[in-house]
Amino acid sequence: MTRIHSLIPVVLMAGLLGGCGSSPTARFYTLSPDATLTGDGAAMPVSVVVNPVTVPDLVDRPQIVTRVAGNQVSLDEFARWAEPLKSDIARVIAADVGRLLGSPRVNVFDAGAAAAPAWRVRVDVMRFDAISGDSVTVEAQWAVRPPGKAAAVMGRSVTREPVQGNGYEALIGAYDRAIATVSRDIASAIRTNAP
């Protein structure tokens, strides 16, 4: 009898813990190319390779990082990037630059020695900050190297985009617009320095 009485609290506790509701489900997000971008001139069917992008260690993680106030940041365990952020940014820049130049030959993969000479783009993201419900800031240093040339054209883009709404969808939309600004600067450098 003592044994049964000692098991009752254990069974009740297990039942209570099991019925406490389900745990939150993770949501996954990805950046998107800007569908509104159009070229500023005639199509340039050039080959461009966007090399791997670097991002600050603070945001180089699966969780989406937002700035709370001052020096405090928040990592949301249930709002995550669907792929590594540096790969996602490179993919979006390649798509944006391709649209701006009117070239289908802009990508993140180097086709090797058999490929046509390509412009090389390197992007180092120095700042990738977000304040929920307010704005995002993207600061990037980039270099564009024309085919067959050692000297690169260097540039820096700093853009702040308002977050138009609440939640992560609005925040990611602001990042998309900020990255489109970086892409415009890169495409402009290629157009200006093309022979």
Foldseek 3Di string as FASTA:
>chain_A
DVVVVVCVVVVVVVVVVVPPDDDDAADEDAAAADPPAAAPDDADQAAEAEEFEAEDPVCQDFFHKAAADDPDIDTDPRYGYPDGPRVRLSQRLQVLLCRHRVHPRGGHDDPPPVDDFYKYKYKYWPAFYHHFQFKTKTKIKMWIHGGPDPDTDIDIDIDIFTQDDGDDVSHSVRVNVRSSRVSVVVSVVCVVPPD
